[in-house]
Amino acid sequence: MNERRSKISILGDILRTIQRKEGKAKPTHILYGANLSHDRLKEYLQKLMLDGFIEKVDENGHVYYKITEKGLNFLSEFRKIQKFSDAFGIEI
């Protein structure tokens, strides 16, 4: 079965990956954790930064993406939506 993920599911996967890495993750970890190509990852990271869900941090010459309070709130609400959709068999 070749099902594509929705954009909101991809955003959730990215934010979950960052959260699992103690709220701060390198791009490579996000790339593998969210199962995205490099080009798609760049696109989604840009959107998440513009929307205020993550911020780019440079520490000792290494780039990290850090989840913001807004990103954590989104993730919390998204999990509720996922539970609801799973309960009724609706895909999001």
PDB file of N, CA and C in Angstrom:
ATOM      1  N   MET A   1       0.835  -1.163   0.000  1.00  0.00           N
ATOM      2  CA  MET A   1       0.000   0.000   0.000  1.00  0.00           C
ATOM      3  C   MET A   1       0.892   1.243   0.000  1.00  0.00           C
ATOM      4  N   ASN A   2       0.622   2.175  -0.879  1.00  0.00           N
ATOM      5  CA  ASN A   2       1.442   3.366  -1.026  1.00  0.00           C
ATOM      6  C   ASN A   2       0.654   4.592  -0.572  1.00  0.00           C
ATOM      7  N   GLU A   3       0.577   4.781   0.748  1.00  0.00           N
ATOM      8  CA  GLU A   3      -0.164   5.907   1.276  1.00  0.00           C
ATOM      9  C   GLU A   3       0.788   7.048   1.574  1.00  0.00           C
ATOM     10  N   ARG A   4       0.357   8.245   1.219  1.00  0.00           N
ATOM     11  CA  ARG A   4       1.158   9.425   1.495  1.00  0.00           C
ATOM     12  C   ARG A   4       0.705  10.037   2.809  1.00  0.00           C
ATOM     13  N   ARG A   5       1.644  10.587   3.545  1.00  0.00           N
ATOM     14  CA  ARG A   5       1.310  11.276   4.790  1.00  0.00           C
ATOM     15  C   ARG A   5       0.793  12.676   4.475  1.00  0.00           C
ATOM     16  N   SER A   6      -0.102  13.129   5.302  1.00  0.00           N
ATOM     17  CA  SER A   6      -0.588  14.499   5.141  1.00  0.00           C
ATOM     18  C   SER A   6       0.487  15.465   5.651  1.00  0.00           C
ATOM     19  N   LYS A   7       0.370  16.709   5.251  1.00  0.00           N
ATOM     20  CA  LYS A   7       1.338  17.717   5.696  1.00  0.00           C
ATOM     21  C   LYS A   7       1.323  17.869   7.207  1.00  0.00           C
ATOM     22  N   ILE A   8       0.138  17.834   7.784  1.00  0.00           N
ATOM     23  CA  ILE A   8       0.045  17.986   9.237  1.00  0.00           C
ATOM     24  C   ILE A   8       0.694  16.803   9.955  1.00  0.00           C
ATOM     25  N   SER A   9       0.604  15.614   9.389  1.00  0.00           N
ATOM     26  CA  SER A   9       1.263  14.445   9.980  1.00  0.00           C
ATOM     27  C   SER A   9       2.780  14.584   9.905  1.00  0.00           C
ATOM     28  N   ILE A  10       3.267  15.115   8.801  1.00  0.00           N
ATOM     29  CA  ILE A  10       4.713  15.328   8.650  1.00  0.00           C
ATOM     30  C   ILE A  10       5.198  16.363   9.658  1.00  0.00           C
ATOM     31  N   LEU A  11       4.441  17.444   9.816  1.00  0.00           N
ATOM     32  CA  LEU A  11       4.807  18.462  10.807  1.00  0.00           C
ATOM     33  C   LEU A  11       4.836  17.845  12.204  1.00  0.00           C
ATOM     34  N   GLY A  12       3.848  17.017  12.507  1.00  0.00           N
ATOM     35  CA  GLY A  12       3.823  16.326  13.794  1.00  0.00           C
ATOM     36  C   GLY A  12       5.016  15.414  13.974  1.00  0.00           C
ATOM     37  N   ASP A  13       5.397  14.694  12.926  1.00  0.00           N
ATOM     38  CA  ASP A  13       6.562  13.802  12.998  1.00  0.00           C
ATOM     39  C   ASP A  13       7.847  14.584  13.273  1.00  0.00           C
ATOM     40  N   ILE A  14       7.993  15.730  12.626  1.00  0.00           N
ATOM     41  CA  ILE A  14       9.184  16.564  12.836  1.00  0.00           C
ATOM     42  C   ILE A  14       9.228  17.064  14.273  1.00  0.00           C
ATOM     43  N   LEU A  15       8.116  17.590  14.753  1.00  0.00           N
ATOM     44  CA  LEU A  15       8.078  18.124  16.113  1.00  0.00           C
ATOM     45  C   LEU A  15       8.279  17.026  17.152  1.00  0.00           C
ATOM     46  N   ARG A  16       7.709  15.850  16.925  1.00  0.00           N
ATOM     47  CA  ARG A  16       7.898  14.717  17.841  1.00  0.00           C
ATOM     48  C   ARG A  16       9.369  14.303  17.889  1.00  0.00           C
ATOM     49  N   THR A  17      10.007  14.288  16.732  1.00  0.00           N
ATOM     50  CA  THR A  17      11.422  13.912  16.669  1.00  0.00           C
ATOM     51  C   THR A  17      12.265  14.887  17.479  1.00  0.00           C
ATOM     52  N   ILE A  18      11.996  16.176  17.323  1.00  0.00           N
ATOM     53  CA  ILE A  18      12.740  17.184  18.082  1.00  0.00           C
ATOM     54  C   ILE A  18      12.459  17.030  19.571  1.00  0.00           C
ATOM     55  N   GLN A  19      11.214  16.823  19.933  1.00  0.00           N
ATOM     56  CA  GLN A  19      10.856  16.678  21.343  1.00  0.00           C
ATOM     57  C   GLN A  19      11.549  15.472  21.974  1.00  0.00           C
ATOM     58  N   ARG A  20      11.620  14.361  21.239  1.00  0.00           N
ATOM     59  CA  ARG A  20      12.268  13.141  21.745  1.00  0.00           C
ATOM     60  C   ARG A  20      13.754  13.349  22.021  1.00  0.00           C
ATOM     61  N   LYS A  21      14.360  14.289  21.305  1.00  0.00           N
ATOM     62  CA  LYS A  21      15.788  14.587  21.481  1.00  0.00           C
ATOM     63  C   LYS A  21      15.968  15.697  22.526  1.00  0.00           C
ATOM     64  N   GLU A  22      15.122  15.677  23.546  1.00  0.00           N
ATOM     65  CA  GLU A  22      15.163  16.646  24.645  1.00  0.00           C
ATOM     66  C   GLU A  22      14.906  18.073  24.178  1.00  0.00           C
ATOM     67  N   GLY A  23      14.082  18.207  23.140  1.00  0.00           N
ATOM     68  CA  GLY A  23      13.658  19.525  22.675  1.00  0.00           C
ATOM     69  C   GLY A  23      14.597  20.211  21.714  1.00  0.00           C
ATOM     70  N   LYS A  24      15.698  19.542  21.350  1.00  0.00           N
ATOM     71  CA  LYS A  24      16.683  20.146  20.453  1.00  0.00           C
ATOM     72  C   LYS A  24      17.332  19.043  19.626  1.00  0.00           C
ATOM     73  N   ALA A  25      17.293  19.174  18.291  1.00  0.00           N
ATOM     74  CA  ALA A  25      17.824  18.099  17.444  1.00  0.00           C
ATOM     75  C   ALA A  25      18.598  18.656  16.259  1.00  0.00           C
ATOM     76  N   LYS A  26      19.575  17.883  15.827  1.00  0.00           N
ATOM     77  CA  LYS A  26      20.328  18.215  14.615  1.00  0.00           C
ATOM     78  C   LYS A  26      19.470  17.883  13.397  1.00  0.00           C
ATOM     79  N   PRO A  27      19.716  18.573  12.285  1.00  0.00           N
ATOM     80  CA  PRO A  27      18.938  18.311  11.067  1.00  0.00           C
ATOM     81  C   PRO A  27      18.967  16.841  10.629  1.00  0.00           C
ATOM     82  N   THR A  28      20.110  16.180  10.763  1.00  0.00           N
ATOM     83  CA  THR A  28      20.221  14.779  10.354  1.00  0.00           C
ATOM     84  C   THR A  28      19.299  13.887  11.167  1.00  0.00           C
ATOM     85  N   HIS A  29      19.210  14.141  12.469  1.00  0.00           N
ATOM     86  CA  HIS A  29      18.322  13.344  13.323  1.00  0.00           C
ATOM     87  C   HIS A  29      16.867  13.554  12.927  1.00  0.00           C
ATOM     88  N   ILE A  30      16.530  14.786  12.596  1.00  0.00           N
ATOM     89  CA  ILE A  30      15.163  15.089  12.173  1.00  0.00           C
ATOM     90  C   ILE A  30      14.872  14.419  10.833  1.00  0.00           C
ATOM     91  N   LEU A  31      15.829  14.466   9.931  1.00  0.00           N
ATOM     92  CA  LEU A  31      15.697  13.875   8.598  1.00  0.00           C
ATOM     93  C   LEU A  31      15.325  12.394   8.708  1.00  0.00           C
ATOM     94  N   TYR A  32      16.065  11.657   9.530  1.00  0.00           N
ATOM     95  CA  TYR A  32      15.797  10.229   9.686  1.00  0.00           C
ATOM     96  C   TYR A  32      14.548   9.973  10.532  1.00  0.00           C
ATOM     97  N   GLY A  33      14.386  10.748  11.595  1.00  0.00           N
ATOM     98  CA  GLY A  33      13.246  10.545  12.483  1.00  0.00           C
ATOM     99  C   GLY A  33      11.908  10.802  11.821  1.00  0.00           C
ATOM    100  N   ALA A  34      11.880  11.789  10.908  1.00  0.00           N
ATOM    101  CA  ALA A  34      10.630  12.131  10.220  1.00  0.00           C
ATOM    102  C   ALA A  34      10.533  11.467   8.848  1.00  0.00           C
ATOM    103  N   ASN A  35      11.583  10.732   8.459  1.00  0.00           N
ATOM    104  CA  ASN A  35      11.600  10.005   7.185  1.00  0.00           C
ATOM    105  C   ASN A  35      11.322  10.923   5.993  1.00  0.00           C
ATOM    106  N   LEU A  36      12.185  11.940   5.838  1.00  0.00           N
ATOM    107  CA  LEU A  36      12.023  12.909   4.755  1.00  0.00           C
ATOM    108  C   LEU A  36      13.299  13.020   3.935  1.00  0.00           C
ATOM    109  N   SER A  37      13.145  13.481   2.710  1.00  0.00           N
ATOM    110  CA  SER A  37      14.313  13.808   1.892  1.00  0.00           C
ATOM    111  C   SER A  37      14.878  15.135   2.391  1.00  0.00           C
ATOM    112  N   HIS A  38      16.098  15.418   2.034  1.00  0.00           N
ATOM    113  CA  HIS A  38      16.747  16.656   2.469  1.00  0.00           C
ATOM    114  C   HIS A  38      15.975  17.891   1.990  1.00  0.00           C
ATOM    115  N   ASP A  39      15.559  17.895   0.743  1.00  0.00           N
ATOM    116  CA  ASP A  39      14.823  19.046   0.190  1.00  0.00           C
ATOM    117  C   ASP A  39      13.500  19.266   0.911  1.00  0.00           C
ATOM    118  N   ARG A  40      12.764  18.188   1.142  1.00  0.00           N
ATOM    119  CA  ARG A  40      11.481  18.317   1.846  1.00  0.00           C
ATOM    120  C   ARG A  40      11.699  18.762   3.283  1.00  0.00           C
ATOM    121  N   LEU A  41      12.748  18.243   3.927  1.00  0.00           N
ATOM    122  CA  LEU A  41      13.046  18.642   5.297  1.00  0.00           C
ATOM    123  C   LEU A  41      13.282  20.147   5.370  1.00  0.00           C
ATOM    124  N   LYS A  42      14.096  20.683   4.468  1.00  0.00           N
ATOM    125  CA  LYS A  42      14.382  22.117   4.458  1.00  0.00           C
ATOM    126  C   LYS A  42      13.094  22.926   4.323  1.00  0.00           C
ATOM    127  N   GLU A  43      12.221  22.475   3.450  1.00  0.00           N
ATOM    128  CA  GLU A  43      10.939  23.146   3.220  1.00  0.00           C
ATOM    129  C   GLU A  43      10.100  23.181   4.498  1.00  0.00           C
ATOM    130  N   TYR A  44       9.980  22.043   5.164  1.00  0.00           N
ATOM    131  CA  TYR A  44       9.162  21.956   6.373  1.00  0.00           C
ATOM    132  C   TYR A  44       9.794  22.702   7.546  1.00  0.00           C
ATOM    133  N   LEU A  45      11.120  22.633   7.687  1.00  0.00           N
ATOM    134  CA  LEU A  45      11.779  23.367   8.764  1.00  0.00           C
ATOM    135  C   LEU A  45      11.562  24.872   8.596  1.00  0.00           C
ATOM    136  N   GLN A  46      11.645  25.336   7.358  1.00  0.00           N
ATOM    137  CA  GLN A  46      11.414  26.765   7.081  1.00  0.00           C
ATOM    138  C   GLN A  46      10.001  27.163   7.503  1.00  0.00           C
ATOM    139  N   LYS A  47       9.021  26.342   7.151  1.00  0.00           N
ATOM    140  CA  LYS A  47       7.628  26.634   7.510  1.00  0.00           C
ATOM    141  C   LYS A  47       7.458  26.653   9.027  1.00  0.00           C
ATOM    142  N   LEU A  48       8.014  25.664   9.704  1.00  0.00           N
ATOM    143  CA  LEU A  48       7.887  25.598  11.157  1.00  0.00           C
ATOM    144  C   LEU A  48       8.554  26.791  11.832  1.00  0.00           C
ATOM    145  N   MET A  49       9.670  27.266  11.281  1.00  0.00           N
ATOM    146  CA  MET A  49      10.328  28.450  11.845  1.00  0.00           C
ATOM    147  C   MET A  49       9.483  29.700  11.617  1.00  0.00           C
ATOM    148  N   LEU A  50       8.967  29.850  10.407  1.00  0.00           N
ATOM    149  CA  LEU A  50       8.135  31.019  10.103  1.00  0.00           C
ATOM    150  C   LEU A  50       6.883  31.069  10.971  1.00  0.00           C
ATOM    151  N   ASP A  51       6.332  29.905  11.297  1.00  0.00           N
ATOM    152  CA  ASP A  51       5.123  29.827  12.116  1.00  0.00           C
ATOM    153  C   ASP A  51       5.416  29.882  13.618  1.00  0.00           C
ATOM    154  N   GLY A  52       6.698  29.878  13.987  1.00  0.00           N
ATOM    155  CA  GLY A  52       7.079  29.995  15.392  1.00  0.00           C
ATOM    156  C   GLY A  52       7.039  28.711  16.192  1.00  0.00           C
ATOM    157  N   PHE A  53       7.022  27.552  15.516  1.00  0.00           N
ATOM    158  CA  PHE A  53       6.984  26.271  16.206  1.00  0.00           C
ATOM    159  C   PHE A  53       8.372  25.770  16.598  1.00  0.00           C
ATOM    160  N   ILE A  54       9.384  26.199  15.861  1.00  0.00           N
ATOM    161  CA  ILE A  54      10.769  25.826  16.157  1.00  0.00           C
ATOM    162  C   ILE A  54      11.653  27.046  15.942  1.00  0.00           C
ATOM    163  N   GLU A  55      12.854  26.985  16.480  1.00  0.00           N
ATOM    164  CA  GLU A  55      13.845  28.016  16.198  1.00  0.00           C
ATOM    165  C   GLU A  55      15.184  27.350  15.897  1.00  0.00           C
ATOM    166  N   LYS A  56      15.946  28.006  15.055  1.00  0.00           N
ATOM    167  CA  LYS A  56      17.263  27.509  14.675  1.00  0.00           C
ATOM    168  C   LYS A  56      18.277  28.037  15.683  1.00  0.00           C
ATOM    169  N   VAL A  57      19.130  27.128  16.190  1.00  0.00           N
ATOM    170  CA  VAL A  57      20.117  27.480  17.202  1.00  0.00           C
ATOM    171  C   VAL A  57      21.487  27.018  16.720  1.00  0.00           C
ATOM    172  N   ASP A  58      22.495  27.880  16.889  1.00  0.00           N
ATOM    173  CA  ASP A  58      23.869  27.518  16.545  1.00  0.00           C
ATOM    174  C   ASP A  58      24.655  27.401  17.845  1.00  0.00           C
ATOM    175  N   GLU A  59      25.139  26.193  18.121  1.00  0.00           N
ATOM    176  CA  GLU A  59      25.933  25.961  19.324  1.00  0.00           C
ATOM    177  C   GLU A  59      27.269  25.351  18.938  1.00  0.00           C
ATOM    178  N   ASN A  60      28.323  26.079  19.223  1.00  0.00           N
ATOM    179  CA  ASN A  60      29.686  25.613  18.940  1.00  0.00           C
ATOM    180  C   ASN A  60      29.854  25.184  17.485  1.00  0.00           C
ATOM    181  N   GLY A  61      29.259  25.925  16.570  1.00  0.00           N
ATOM    182  CA  GLY A  61      29.392  25.618  15.148  1.00  0.00           C
ATOM    183  C   GLY A  61      28.466  24.525  14.643  1.00  0.00           C
ATOM    184  N   HIS A  62      27.571  24.020  15.489  1.00  0.00           N
ATOM    185  CA  HIS A  62      26.617  22.991  15.097  1.00  0.00           C
ATOM    186  C   HIS A  62      25.216  23.579  15.078  1.00  0.00           C
ATOM    187  N   VAL A  63      24.458  23.245  14.043  1.00  0.00           N
ATOM    188  CA  VAL A  63      23.093  23.741  13.911  1.00  0.00           C
ATOM    189  C   VAL A  63      22.122  22.755  14.550  1.00  0.00           C
ATOM    190  N   TYR A  64      21.221  23.278  15.358  1.00  0.00           N
ATOM    191  CA  TYR A  64      20.160  22.503  15.986  1.00  0.00           C
ATOM    192  C   TYR A  64      18.839  23.207  15.736  1.00  0.00           C
ATOM    193  N   TYR A  65      17.773  22.453  15.827  1.00  0.00           N
ATOM    194  CA  TYR A  65      16.436  23.039  15.790  1.00  0.00           C
ATOM    195  C   TYR A  65      15.790  22.732  17.128  1.00  0.00           C
ATOM    196  N   LYS A  66      15.280  23.794  17.746  1.00  0.00           N
ATOM    197  CA  LYS A  66      14.714  23.702  19.089  1.00  0.00           C
ATOM    198  C   LYS A  66      13.210  23.948  19.013  1.00  0.00           C
ATOM    199  N   ILE A  67      12.443  23.100  19.688  1.00  0.00           N
ATOM    200  CA  ILE A  67      10.996  23.263  19.703  1.00  0.00           C
ATOM    201  C   ILE A  67      10.638  24.395  20.670  1.00  0.00           C
ATOM    202  N   THR A  68       9.692  25.231  20.278  1.00  0.00           N
ATOM    203  CA  THR A  68       9.252  26.350  21.107  1.00  0.00           C
ATOM    204  C   THR A  68       8.019  25.940  21.914  1.00  0.00           C
ATOM    205  N   GLU A  69       7.599  26.826  22.789  1.00  0.00           N
ATOM    206  CA  GLU A  69       6.380  26.586  23.570  1.00  0.00           C
ATOM    207  C   GLU A  69       5.186  26.418  22.632  1.00  0.00           C
ATOM    208  N   LYS A  70       5.146  27.232  21.583  1.00  0.00           N
ATOM    209  CA  LYS A  70       4.062  27.130  20.593  1.00  0.00           C
ATOM    210  C   LYS A  70       4.095  25.766  19.908  1.00  0.00           C
ATOM    211  N   GLY A  71       5.294  25.278  19.598  1.00  0.00           N
ATOM    212  CA  GLY A  71       5.443  23.960  18.992  1.00  0.00           C
ATOM    213  C   GLY A  71       4.981  22.848  19.918  1.00  0.00           C
ATOM    214  N   LEU A  72       5.301  22.970  21.201  1.00  0.00           N
ATOM    215  CA  LEU A  72       4.855  21.975  22.183  1.00  0.00           C
ATOM    216  C   LEU A  72       3.335  21.979  22.317  1.00  0.00           C
ATOM    217  N   ASN A  73       2.746  23.174  22.306  1.00  0.00           N
ATOM    218  CA  ASN A  73       1.285  23.274  22.372  1.00  0.00           C
ATOM    219  C   ASN A  73       0.636  22.643  21.142  1.00  0.00           C
ATOM    220  N   PHE A  74       1.200  22.908  19.964  1.00  0.00           N
ATOM    221  CA  PHE A  74       0.692  22.306  18.733  1.00  0.00           C
ATOM    222  C   PHE A  74       0.745  20.788  18.830  1.00  0.00           C
ATOM    223  N   LEU A  75       1.876  20.267  19.286  1.00  0.00           N
ATOM    224  CA  LEU A  75       2.067  18.823  19.384  1.00  0.00           C
ATOM    225  C   LEU A  75       1.061  18.199  20.343  1.00  0.00           C
ATOM    226  N   SER A  76       0.798  18.853  21.438  1.00  0.00           N
ATOM    227  CA  SER A  76      -0.174  18.364  22.406  1.00  0.00           C
ATOM    228  C   SER A  76      -1.573  18.292  21.788  1.00  0.00           C
ATOM    229  N   GLU A  77      -1.969  19.338  21.097  1.00  0.00           N
ATOM    230  CA  GLU A  77      -3.288  19.366  20.461  1.00  0.00           C
ATOM    231  C   GLU A  77      -3.359  18.372  19.301  1.00  0.00           C
ATOM    232  N   PHE A  78      -2.265  18.233  18.576  1.00  0.00           N
ATOM    233  CA  PHE A  78      -2.232  17.296  17.450  1.00  0.00           C
ATOM    234  C   PHE A  78      -2.423  15.862  17.935  1.00  0.00           C
ATOM    235  N   ARG A  79      -1.834  15.535  19.084  1.00  0.00           N
ATOM    236  CA  ARG A  79      -2.006  14.188  19.643  1.00  0.00           C
ATOM    237  C   ARG A  79      -3.472  13.921  19.973  1.00  0.00           C
ATOM    238  N   LYS A  80      -4.161  14.927  20.485  1.00  0.00           N
ATOM    239  CA  LYS A  80      -5.595  14.783  20.773  1.00  0.00           C
ATOM    240  C   LYS A  80      -6.379  14.523  19.490  1.00  0.00           C
ATOM    241  N   ILE A  81      -6.032  15.245  18.434  1.00  0.00           N
ATOM    242  CA  ILE A  81      -6.705  15.063  17.144  1.00  0.00           C
ATOM    243  C   ILE A  81      -6.440  13.659  16.614  1.00  0.00           C
ATOM    244  N   GLN A  82      -5.200  13.192  16.757  1.00  0.00           N
ATOM    245  CA  GLN A  82      -4.855  11.841  16.297  1.00  0.00           C
ATOM    246  C   GLN A  82      -5.658  10.780  17.043  1.00  0.00           C
ATOM    247  N   LYS A  83      -5.776  10.925  18.357  1.00  0.00           N
ATOM    248  CA  LYS A  83      -6.558   9.956  19.145  1.00  0.00           C
ATOM    249  C   LYS A  83      -8.010   9.952  18.690  1.00  0.00           C
ATOM    250  N   PHE A  84      -8.554  11.127  18.466  1.00  0.00           N
ATOM    251  CA  PHE A  84      -9.930  11.256  18.006  1.00  0.00           C
ATOM    252  C   PHE A  84     -10.111  10.590  16.644  1.00  0.00           C
ATOM    253  N   SER A  85      -9.204  10.889  15.712  1.00  0.00           N
ATOM    254  CA  SER A  85      -9.320  10.321  14.368  1.00  0.00           C
ATOM    255  C   SER A  85      -9.138   8.805  14.383  1.00  0.00           C
ATOM    256  N   ASP A  86      -8.226   8.313  15.228  1.00  0.00           N
ATOM    257  CA  ASP A  86      -8.033   6.863  15.348  1.00  0.00           C
ATOM    258  C   ASP A  86      -9.278   6.181  15.911  1.00  0.00           C
ATOM    259  N   ALA A  87      -9.935   6.833  16.867  1.00  0.00           N
ATOM    260  CA  ALA A  87     -11.119   6.253  17.486  1.00  0.00           C
ATOM    261  C   ALA A  87     -12.256   6.072  16.481  1.00  0.00           C
ATOM    262  N   PHE A  88     -12.305   6.932  15.480  1.00  0.00           N
ATOM    263  CA  PHE A  88     -13.385   6.871  14.490  1.00  0.00           C
ATOM    264  C   PHE A  88     -12.914   6.378  13.127  1.00  0.00           C
ATOM    265  N   GLY A  89     -11.661   5.975  13.028  1.00  0.00           N
ATOM    266  CA  GLY A  89     -11.151   5.434  11.776  1.00  0.00           C
ATOM    267  C   GLY A  89     -11.008   6.466  10.666  1.00  0.00           C
ATOM    268  N   ILE A  90     -10.774   7.709  11.040  1.00  0.00           N
ATOM    269  CA  ILE A  90     -10.622   8.787  10.067  1.00  0.00           C
ATOM    270  C   ILE A  90      -9.134   9.111   9.936  1.00  0.00           C
ATOM    271  N   GLU A  91      -8.644   9.182   8.720  1.00  0.00           N
ATOM    272  CA  GLU A  91      -7.239   9.519   8.510  1.00  0.00           C
ATOM    273  C   GLU A  91      -7.063  11.020   8.409  1.00  0.00           C
ATOM    274  N   ILE A  92      -5.983  11.498   9.039  1.00  0.00           N
ATOM    275  CA  ILE A  92      -5.685  12.926   8.956  1.00  0.00           C
ATOM    276  C   ILE A  92      -4.408  13.154   8.200  1.00  0.00           C
TER     277      ILE A  92
END
